[in-house]
């Protein structure tokens, strides 16, 4: 299978944006209460499938640089991969598009953060805090981003996004 240069570039740009936005808010991007503005990008698979590997690579890089170790690198990246694929499958249901990152990050990230790194809060609360922050970002910033990209023809053409 031949991968187009455009697909690779789109994935690379998403990875770079995700990493830069995560590091921009670094003190708030890790731990039992996370607030990653980069998670707004997790809606992109709904209209840009090439963003899935970009999000995965961006998450991997961010977690590598974040200092929480191998569990964060592996399981955080798996959560992002599962969320990206699920988001793509939900692409026709705009309100549901942000739900996979909320669920996977709440469950997966909340679990390993609590079990391995920080027991400040109970396990359910850690999962809930991560899910709530994810929901605020994904619905509060992600949905407007998705709406902007869907409605703005010039941006869609520049990014080579087709809306089915």
N, C-alpha and C. Protein backbone atom coordinates (compact mmCIF):
# COMPACT_ATOMS: atom_id res chain seq x y z
N UNK A 1 0.84 -1.18 0.00
CA UNK A 1 0.00 0.00 0.00
C UNK A 1 0.89 1.25 0.00
N UNK A 2 0.59 2.16 -0.88
CA UNK A 2 1.35 3.39 -1.02
C UNK A 2 0.74 4.48 -0.16
N UNK A 3 1.56 5.06 0.69
CA UNK A 3 1.10 6.16 1.54
C UNK A 3 1.50 7.47 0.87
N UNK A 4 0.53 8.33 0.68
CA UNK A 4 0.79 9.62 0.04
C UNK A 4 1.59 10.54 0.96
N UNK A 5 2.40 11.36 0.33
CA UNK A 5 3.19 12.35 1.07
C UNK A 5 2.28 13.25 1.89
N UNK A 6 1.15 13.63 1.33
CA UNK A 6 0.20 14.49 2.03
C UNK A 6 -0.25 13.87 3.36
N UNK A 7 -0.51 12.57 3.35
CA UNK A 7 -0.94 11.87 4.56
C UNK A 7 0.15 11.91 5.62
N UNK A 8 1.38 11.70 5.22
CA UNK A 8 2.51 11.73 6.15
C UNK A 8 2.69 13.13 6.72
N UNK A 9 2.59 14.12 5.87
CA UNK A 9 2.75 15.51 6.32
C UNK A 9 1.63 15.89 7.28
N UNK A 10 0.39 15.53 6.95
CA UNK A 10 -0.73 15.83 7.85
C UNK A 10 -0.52 15.18 9.22
N UNK A 11 -0.11 13.92 9.21
CA UNK A 11 0.14 13.21 10.48
C UNK A 11 1.26 13.88 11.26
N UNK A 12 2.31 14.29 10.56
CA UNK A 12 3.44 14.94 11.23
C UNK A 12 3.05 16.28 11.83
N UNK A 13 2.23 17.04 11.12
CA UNK A 13 1.79 18.34 11.64
C UNK A 13 0.91 18.14 12.88
N UNK A 14 0.02 17.16 12.84
CA UNK A 14 -0.83 16.88 14.00
C UNK A 14 0.04 16.44 15.19
N UNK A 15 1.03 15.58 14.93
CA UNK A 15 1.93 15.13 16.00
C UNK A 15 2.68 16.31 16.62
N UNK A 16 3.18 17.19 15.77
CA UNK A 16 3.91 18.36 16.26
C UNK A 16 3.00 19.30 17.05
N UNK A 17 1.80 19.53 16.54
CA UNK A 17 0.83 20.39 17.26
C UNK A 17 0.46 19.79 18.60
N UNK A 18 0.17 18.49 18.62
CA UNK A 18 -0.22 17.83 19.86
C UNK A 18 0.91 17.96 20.89
N UNK A 19 2.13 17.67 20.48
CA UNK A 19 3.26 17.73 21.39
C UNK A 19 3.49 19.15 21.89
N UNK A 20 3.48 20.12 20.97
CA UNK A 20 3.71 21.52 21.36
C UNK A 20 2.62 22.02 22.31
N UNK A 21 1.37 21.70 22.03
CA UNK A 21 0.28 22.15 22.90
C UNK A 21 0.33 21.48 24.27
N UNK A 22 0.78 20.23 24.31
CA UNK A 22 0.91 19.53 25.59
C UNK A 22 2.03 20.17 26.42
N UNK A 23 3.16 20.40 25.79
CA UNK A 23 4.30 20.98 26.51
C UNK A 23 4.04 22.43 26.90
N UNK A 24 3.18 23.11 26.16
CA UNK A 24 2.82 24.49 26.48
C UNK A 24 2.18 24.59 27.86
N UNK A 25 1.41 23.58 28.23
CA UNK A 25 0.73 23.58 29.53
C UNK A 25 1.28 22.46 30.41
N UNK A 26 2.57 22.18 30.27
CA UNK A 26 3.20 21.04 30.92
C UNK A 26 2.85 20.83 32.39
N UNK A 27 2.86 21.84 33.22
CA UNK A 27 2.54 21.56 34.63
C UNK A 27 1.14 20.98 34.83
N UNK A 28 0.24 21.25 33.89
CA UNK A 28 -1.14 20.81 34.01
C UNK A 28 -1.47 19.62 33.11
N UNK A 29 -0.50 19.14 32.35
CA UNK A 29 -0.75 18.11 31.35
C UNK A 29 -0.53 16.69 31.86
N UNK A 30 -0.05 16.55 33.08
CA UNK A 30 0.29 15.23 33.61
C UNK A 30 -0.25 15.09 35.03
N UNK A 31 -0.44 13.86 35.46
CA UNK A 31 -0.87 13.61 36.83
C UNK A 31 -2.33 13.26 36.97
N UNK A 32 -2.82 13.20 38.20
CA UNK A 32 -4.20 12.75 38.43
C UNK A 32 -5.27 13.76 38.00
N UNK A 33 -4.89 14.99 37.85
CA UNK A 33 -5.79 15.99 37.28
C UNK A 33 -5.05 16.60 36.10
N UNK A 34 -5.48 16.24 34.89
CA UNK A 34 -4.79 16.67 33.68
C UNK A 34 -5.66 17.65 32.91
N UNK A 35 -4.99 18.60 32.30
CA UNK A 35 -5.69 19.58 31.47
C UNK A 35 -4.83 19.83 30.24
N UNK A 36 -4.95 18.93 29.27
CA UNK A 36 -4.17 19.03 28.03
C UNK A 36 -5.01 19.67 26.95
N UNK A 37 -4.69 20.90 26.59
CA UNK A 37 -5.44 21.53 25.51
C UNK A 37 -5.22 20.80 24.19
N UNK A 38 -4.12 20.07 24.10
CA UNK A 38 -3.83 19.28 22.90
C UNK A 38 -4.90 18.23 22.64
N UNK A 39 -5.63 17.84 23.66
CA UNK A 39 -6.68 16.82 23.50
C UNK A 39 -7.84 17.33 22.66
N UNK A 40 -7.92 18.63 22.42
CA UNK A 40 -8.94 19.16 21.51
C UNK A 40 -8.73 18.59 20.10
N UNK A 41 -7.50 18.24 19.78
CA UNK A 41 -7.18 17.68 18.47
C UNK A 41 -7.70 16.26 18.28
N UNK A 42 -8.14 15.63 19.36
CA UNK A 42 -8.58 14.23 19.26
C UNK A 42 -9.90 14.09 18.49
N UNK A 43 -10.54 15.20 18.13
CA UNK A 43 -11.73 15.13 17.28
C UNK A 43 -11.36 15.01 15.80
N UNK A 44 -10.13 15.29 15.46
CA UNK A 44 -9.71 15.33 14.05
C UNK A 44 -9.93 14.04 13.27
N UNK A 45 -9.80 12.86 13.88
CA UNK A 45 -10.04 11.65 13.08
C UNK A 45 -11.42 11.60 12.43
N UNK A 46 -12.38 12.36 12.95
CA UNK A 46 -13.72 12.40 12.35
C UNK A 46 -13.70 12.94 10.93
N UNK A 47 -12.72 13.79 10.61
CA UNK A 47 -12.66 14.37 9.26
C UNK A 47 -11.29 14.20 8.61
N UNK A 48 -10.32 13.77 9.37
CA UNK A 48 -8.95 13.65 8.86
C UNK A 48 -8.32 12.35 9.39
N UNK A 49 -8.55 11.23 8.72
CA UNK A 49 -8.04 9.95 9.22
C UNK A 49 -6.53 9.93 9.43
N UNK A 50 -5.80 10.73 8.67
CA UNK A 50 -4.34 10.79 8.84
C UNK A 50 -3.95 11.36 10.20
N UNK A 51 -4.90 11.98 10.89
CA UNK A 51 -4.59 12.51 12.20
C UNK A 51 -4.44 11.41 13.26
N UNK A 52 -4.94 10.22 12.98
CA UNK A 52 -4.82 9.13 13.97
C UNK A 52 -3.36 8.83 14.27
N UNK A 53 -2.53 8.52 13.25
CA UNK A 53 -1.11 8.30 13.59
C UNK A 53 -0.44 9.56 14.15
N UNK A 54 -0.88 10.72 13.71
CA UNK A 54 -0.33 11.97 14.24
C UNK A 54 -0.61 12.13 15.72
N UNK A 55 -1.84 11.84 16.12
CA UNK A 55 -2.20 11.92 17.54
C UNK A 55 -1.43 10.90 18.36
N UNK A 56 -1.29 9.70 17.81
CA UNK A 56 -0.56 8.63 18.52
C UNK A 56 0.90 9.03 18.72
N UNK A 57 1.54 9.52 17.67
CA UNK A 57 2.94 9.92 17.77
C UNK A 57 3.09 11.14 18.69
N UNK A 58 2.17 12.09 18.58
CA UNK A 58 2.21 13.26 19.45
C UNK A 58 2.04 12.88 20.91
N UNK A 59 1.14 11.97 21.19
CA UNK A 59 0.94 11.50 22.56
C UNK A 59 2.17 10.76 23.06
N UNK A 60 2.72 9.90 22.22
CA UNK A 60 3.93 9.15 22.60
C UNK A 60 5.07 10.11 22.95
N UNK A 61 5.30 11.09 22.09
CA UNK A 61 6.36 12.08 22.35
C UNK A 61 6.09 12.88 23.62
N UNK A 62 4.85 13.32 23.78
CA UNK A 62 4.48 14.10 24.97
C UNK A 62 4.68 13.29 26.24
N UNK A 63 4.27 12.04 26.21
CA UNK A 63 4.40 11.19 27.39
C UNK A 63 5.85 10.81 27.64
N UNK A 64 6.63 10.67 26.60
CA UNK A 64 8.06 10.41 26.75
C UNK A 64 8.73 11.60 27.44
N UNK A 65 8.36 12.80 27.04
CA UNK A 65 8.95 14.01 27.60
C UNK A 65 8.35 14.38 28.96
N UNK A 66 7.21 13.80 29.30
CA UNK A 66 6.50 14.16 30.52
C UNK A 66 7.07 13.62 31.80
N UNK A 67 7.86 12.57 31.74
CA UNK A 67 8.53 12.07 32.93
C UNK A 67 7.74 11.08 33.77
N UNK A 68 6.60 10.62 33.30
CA UNK A 68 5.84 9.63 34.06
C UNK A 68 6.25 8.20 33.73
N UNK A 69 7.18 8.03 32.83
CA UNK A 69 7.76 6.72 32.59
C UNK A 69 7.07 5.87 31.54
N UNK A 70 7.52 4.62 31.52
CA UNK A 70 7.11 3.69 30.47
C UNK A 70 5.60 3.42 30.46
N UNK A 71 4.99 3.31 31.62
CA UNK A 71 3.54 3.04 31.65
C UNK A 71 2.78 4.16 30.94
N UNK A 72 3.16 5.40 31.18
CA UNK A 72 2.51 6.53 30.54
C UNK A 72 2.76 6.51 29.03
N UNK A 73 3.98 6.20 28.65
CA UNK A 73 4.32 6.15 27.23
C UNK A 73 3.50 5.07 26.54
N UNK A 74 3.45 3.87 27.11
CA UNK A 74 2.77 2.74 26.46
C UNK A 74 1.26 2.86 26.57
N UNK A 75 0.74 2.96 27.80
CA UNK A 75 -0.71 2.91 27.98
C UNK A 75 -1.41 4.21 27.57
N UNK A 76 -0.75 5.34 27.76
CA UNK A 76 -1.33 6.60 27.29
C UNK A 76 -1.44 6.62 25.78
N UNK A 77 -0.42 6.07 25.12
CA UNK A 77 -0.43 6.00 23.67
C UNK A 77 -1.49 5.02 23.17
N UNK A 78 -1.65 3.91 23.86
CA UNK A 78 -2.70 2.94 23.50
C UNK A 78 -4.08 3.58 23.66
N UNK A 79 -4.27 4.33 24.74
CA UNK A 79 -5.55 5.02 24.94
C UNK A 79 -5.84 5.98 23.78
N UNK A 80 -4.82 6.69 23.33
CA UNK A 80 -4.99 7.62 22.22
C UNK A 80 -5.29 6.89 20.92
N UNK A 81 -4.62 5.78 20.69
CA UNK A 81 -4.88 4.99 19.48
C UNK A 81 -6.32 4.48 19.47
N UNK A 82 -6.76 3.90 20.58
CA UNK A 82 -8.13 3.39 20.67
C UNK A 82 -9.15 4.52 20.49
N UNK A 83 -8.86 5.66 21.10
CA UNK A 83 -9.76 6.81 20.98
C UNK A 83 -9.81 7.31 19.53
N UNK A 84 -8.66 7.38 18.88
CA UNK A 84 -8.62 7.86 17.50
C UNK A 84 -9.40 6.98 16.55
N UNK A 85 -9.21 5.68 16.67
CA UNK A 85 -9.94 4.75 15.81
C UNK A 85 -11.45 4.82 16.10
N UNK A 86 -11.82 4.86 17.36
CA UNK A 86 -13.23 4.94 17.74
C UNK A 86 -13.86 6.24 17.27
N UNK A 87 -13.11 7.32 17.37
CA UNK A 87 -13.61 8.62 16.90
C UNK A 87 -13.90 8.56 15.41
N UNK A 88 -13.02 7.93 14.65
CA UNK A 88 -13.24 7.80 13.21
C UNK A 88 -14.55 7.05 12.94
N UNK A 89 -14.80 5.97 13.69
CA UNK A 89 -16.03 5.20 13.51
C UNK A 89 -17.28 6.01 13.87
N UNK A 90 -17.15 6.96 14.77
CA UNK A 90 -18.29 7.78 15.20
C UNK A 90 -18.42 9.08 14.40
N UNK A 91 -17.66 9.23 13.33
CA UNK A 91 -17.54 10.49 12.60
C UNK A 91 -18.87 11.07 12.11
N UNK A 92 -19.88 10.27 11.92
CA UNK A 92 -21.17 10.77 11.43
C UNK A 92 -22.06 11.29 12.57
N UNK A 93 -21.59 11.17 13.80
CA UNK A 93 -22.36 11.60 14.97
C UNK A 93 -21.54 12.63 15.74
N UNK A 94 -21.63 13.88 15.31
CA UNK A 94 -20.77 14.94 15.82
C UNK A 94 -20.73 15.00 17.34
N UNK A 95 -21.87 14.87 18.00
CA UNK A 95 -21.86 14.99 19.46
C UNK A 95 -21.13 13.83 20.13
N UNK A 96 -21.06 12.68 19.47
CA UNK A 96 -20.37 11.52 20.05
C UNK A 96 -18.87 11.49 19.73
N UNK A 97 -18.44 12.27 18.77
CA UNK A 97 -17.03 12.26 18.34
C UNK A 97 -16.05 12.43 19.50
N UNK A 98 -16.27 13.35 20.44
CA UNK A 98 -15.32 13.52 21.54
C UNK A 98 -15.40 12.45 22.63
N UNK A 99 -16.41 11.62 22.58
CA UNK A 99 -16.63 10.65 23.66
C UNK A 99 -15.52 9.61 23.80
N UNK A 100 -14.98 9.02 22.73
CA UNK A 100 -13.92 8.01 22.92
C UNK A 100 -12.70 8.51 23.68
N UNK A 101 -12.17 9.72 23.40
CA UNK A 101 -11.04 10.18 24.21
C UNK A 101 -11.40 10.35 25.68
N UNK A 102 -12.62 10.78 25.94
CA UNK A 102 -13.06 10.95 27.33
C UNK A 102 -13.08 9.60 28.04
N UNK A 103 -13.67 8.62 27.40
CA UNK A 103 -13.82 7.29 28.01
C UNK A 103 -12.47 6.59 28.15
N UNK A 104 -11.71 6.50 27.06
CA UNK A 104 -10.45 5.76 27.10
C UNK A 104 -9.42 6.41 28.02
N UNK A 105 -9.34 7.73 28.00
CA UNK A 105 -8.39 8.40 28.89
C UNK A 105 -8.82 8.29 30.34
N UNK A 106 -10.12 8.47 30.58
CA UNK A 106 -10.61 8.32 31.95
C UNK A 106 -10.30 6.94 32.51
N UNK A 107 -10.63 5.92 31.75
CA UNK A 107 -10.43 4.55 32.23
C UNK A 107 -8.96 4.13 32.26
N UNK A 108 -8.29 4.27 31.14
CA UNK A 108 -6.92 3.75 31.02
C UNK A 108 -5.92 4.64 31.77
N UNK A 109 -5.90 5.92 31.43
CA UNK A 109 -4.94 6.83 32.06
C UNK A 109 -5.25 6.97 33.56
N UNK A 110 -6.53 7.10 33.88
CA UNK A 110 -6.91 7.20 35.29
C UNK A 110 -6.46 5.99 36.10
N UNK A 111 -6.52 4.81 35.49
CA UNK A 111 -6.12 3.59 36.19
C UNK A 111 -4.62 3.55 36.44
N UNK A 112 -3.81 3.74 35.40
CA UNK A 112 -2.37 3.61 35.65
C UNK A 112 -1.80 4.78 36.43
N UNK A 113 -2.38 5.96 36.28
CA UNK A 113 -1.91 7.09 37.11
C UNK A 113 -2.13 6.75 38.58
N UNK A 114 -3.31 6.24 38.89
CA UNK A 114 -3.60 5.90 40.29
C UNK A 114 -2.75 4.72 40.76
N UNK A 115 -2.71 3.64 40.02
CA UNK A 115 -2.01 2.44 40.48
C UNK A 115 -0.50 2.59 40.56
N UNK A 116 0.08 3.39 39.67
CA UNK A 116 1.54 3.45 39.59
C UNK A 116 2.17 4.75 40.08
N UNK A 117 1.44 5.84 40.04
CA UNK A 117 2.10 7.12 40.27
C UNK A 117 1.54 7.99 41.38
N UNK A 118 0.25 8.08 41.52
CA UNK A 118 -0.31 9.09 42.41
C UNK A 118 -1.61 8.59 43.02
N UNK A 119 -1.60 8.41 44.33
CA UNK A 119 -2.80 7.94 45.03
C UNK A 119 -3.40 9.05 45.90
N UNK A 120 -3.22 10.29 45.45
CA UNK A 120 -3.78 11.42 46.17
C UNK A 120 -5.30 11.27 46.30
N UNK A 121 -5.93 10.83 45.23
CA UNK A 121 -7.38 10.65 45.20
C UNK A 121 -7.66 9.15 45.04
N UNK A 122 -8.88 8.75 45.29
CA UNK A 122 -9.24 7.34 45.10
C UNK A 122 -9.16 7.01 43.60
N UNK A 123 -9.12 5.72 43.30
CA UNK A 123 -9.06 5.26 41.92
C UNK A 123 -10.25 5.80 41.10
N UNK A 124 -11.49 5.65 41.58
CA UNK A 124 -12.61 6.19 40.80
C UNK A 124 -12.54 7.71 40.61
N UNK A 125 -12.09 8.42 41.64
CA UNK A 125 -11.98 9.87 41.50
C UNK A 125 -10.90 10.26 40.51
N UNK A 126 -9.79 9.55 40.53
CA UNK A 126 -8.72 9.84 39.56
C UNK A 126 -9.24 9.65 38.14
N UNK A 127 -9.95 8.54 37.91
CA UNK A 127 -10.52 8.31 36.57
C UNK A 127 -11.53 9.40 36.23
N UNK A 128 -12.35 9.77 37.19
CA UNK A 128 -13.38 10.78 36.96
C UNK A 128 -12.76 12.15 36.67
N UNK A 129 -11.73 12.54 37.43
CA UNK A 129 -11.08 13.83 37.20
C UNK A 129 -10.48 13.91 35.80
N UNK A 130 -9.83 12.83 35.39
CA UNK A 130 -9.23 12.82 34.06
C UNK A 130 -10.32 12.86 32.99
N UNK A 131 -11.40 12.11 33.19
CA UNK A 131 -12.50 12.09 32.22
C UNK A 131 -13.19 13.46 32.14
N UNK A 132 -13.39 14.11 33.28
CA UNK A 132 -14.05 15.43 33.27
C UNK A 132 -13.19 16.46 32.55
N UNK A 133 -11.90 16.49 32.85
CA UNK A 133 -11.01 17.44 32.17
C UNK A 133 -10.98 17.16 30.67
N UNK A 134 -10.96 15.88 30.31
CA UNK A 134 -10.98 15.49 28.90
C UNK A 134 -12.28 15.95 28.23
N UNK A 135 -13.39 15.78 28.92
CA UNK A 135 -14.68 16.20 28.36
C UNK A 135 -14.73 17.71 28.16
N UNK A 136 -14.22 18.46 29.13
CA UNK A 136 -14.20 19.91 29.01
C UNK A 136 -13.40 20.33 27.78
N UNK A 137 -12.24 19.74 27.60
CA UNK A 137 -11.38 20.08 26.46
C UNK A 137 -12.00 19.60 25.14
N UNK A 138 -12.39 18.33 25.09
CA UNK A 138 -12.87 17.75 23.83
C UNK A 138 -14.20 18.35 23.37
N UNK A 139 -15.09 18.60 24.32
CA UNK A 139 -16.36 19.21 23.94
C UNK A 139 -16.25 20.74 23.86
N UNK A 140 -15.51 21.34 24.77
CA UNK A 140 -15.41 22.79 24.81
C UNK A 140 -14.53 23.39 23.72
N UNK A 141 -13.46 22.70 23.36
CA UNK A 141 -12.56 23.18 22.30
C UNK A 141 -12.61 22.31 21.04
N UNK A 142 -12.77 21.00 21.23
CA UNK A 142 -12.75 20.07 20.10
C UNK A 142 -13.95 20.23 19.18
N UNK A 143 -15.14 20.30 19.75
CA UNK A 143 -16.34 20.46 18.91
C UNK A 143 -16.31 21.78 18.13
N UNK A 144 -15.96 22.92 18.76
CA UNK A 144 -15.84 24.15 17.97
C UNK A 144 -14.77 24.03 16.86
N UNK A 145 -13.67 23.36 17.17
CA UNK A 145 -12.63 23.16 16.14
C UNK A 145 -13.19 22.35 14.98
N UNK A 146 -13.88 21.27 15.29
CA UNK A 146 -14.48 20.42 14.27
C UNK A 146 -15.50 21.20 13.44
N UNK A 147 -16.31 22.00 14.10
CA UNK A 147 -17.32 22.82 13.41
C UNK A 147 -16.65 23.82 12.48
N UNK A 148 -15.60 24.46 12.95
CA UNK A 148 -14.87 25.42 12.12
C UNK A 148 -14.30 24.73 10.88
N UNK A 149 -13.68 23.59 11.08
CA UNK A 149 -13.08 22.88 9.95
C UNK A 149 -14.13 22.39 8.96
N UNK A 150 -15.27 21.96 9.46
CA UNK A 150 -16.33 21.49 8.57
C UNK A 150 -16.98 22.63 7.78
N UNK A 151 -17.11 23.80 8.39
CA UNK A 151 -17.82 24.91 7.76
C UNK A 151 -16.94 25.79 6.89
N UNK A 152 -15.64 25.80 7.12
CA UNK A 152 -14.76 26.71 6.40
C UNK A 152 -14.15 26.01 5.19
N UNK A 153 -14.69 26.33 4.04
CA UNK A 153 -14.26 25.67 2.80
C UNK A 153 -12.78 25.90 2.50
N UNK A 154 -12.29 27.10 2.75
CA UNK A 154 -10.89 27.43 2.47
C UNK A 154 -9.95 26.56 3.30
N UNK A 155 -10.27 26.38 4.57
CA UNK A 155 -9.44 25.53 5.43
C UNK A 155 -9.50 24.09 4.96
N UNK A 156 -10.72 23.62 4.63
CA UNK A 156 -10.86 22.24 4.16
C UNK A 156 -10.04 22.00 2.90
N UNK A 157 -10.08 22.94 1.98
CA UNK A 157 -9.33 22.80 0.73
C UNK A 157 -7.82 22.85 1.00
N UNK A 158 -7.40 23.74 1.88
CA UNK A 158 -5.96 23.85 2.19
C UNK A 158 -5.44 22.57 2.85
N UNK A 159 -6.26 21.95 3.68
CA UNK A 159 -5.84 20.73 4.38
C UNK A 159 -6.22 19.46 3.62
N UNK A 160 -6.92 19.61 2.49
CA UNK A 160 -7.38 18.47 1.69
C UNK A 160 -8.28 17.56 2.51
N UNK A 161 -9.25 18.18 3.17
CA UNK A 161 -10.22 17.44 3.98
C UNK A 161 -11.51 17.32 3.17
N UNK A 162 -12.01 16.10 3.06
CA UNK A 162 -13.30 15.92 2.42
C UNK A 162 -14.31 15.51 3.47
N UNK A 163 -15.46 16.13 3.45
CA UNK A 163 -16.54 15.85 4.39
C UNK A 163 -17.55 14.99 3.67
N UNK A 164 -17.81 13.75 4.22
CA UNK A 164 -18.82 12.90 3.56
C UNK A 164 -20.16 13.12 4.13
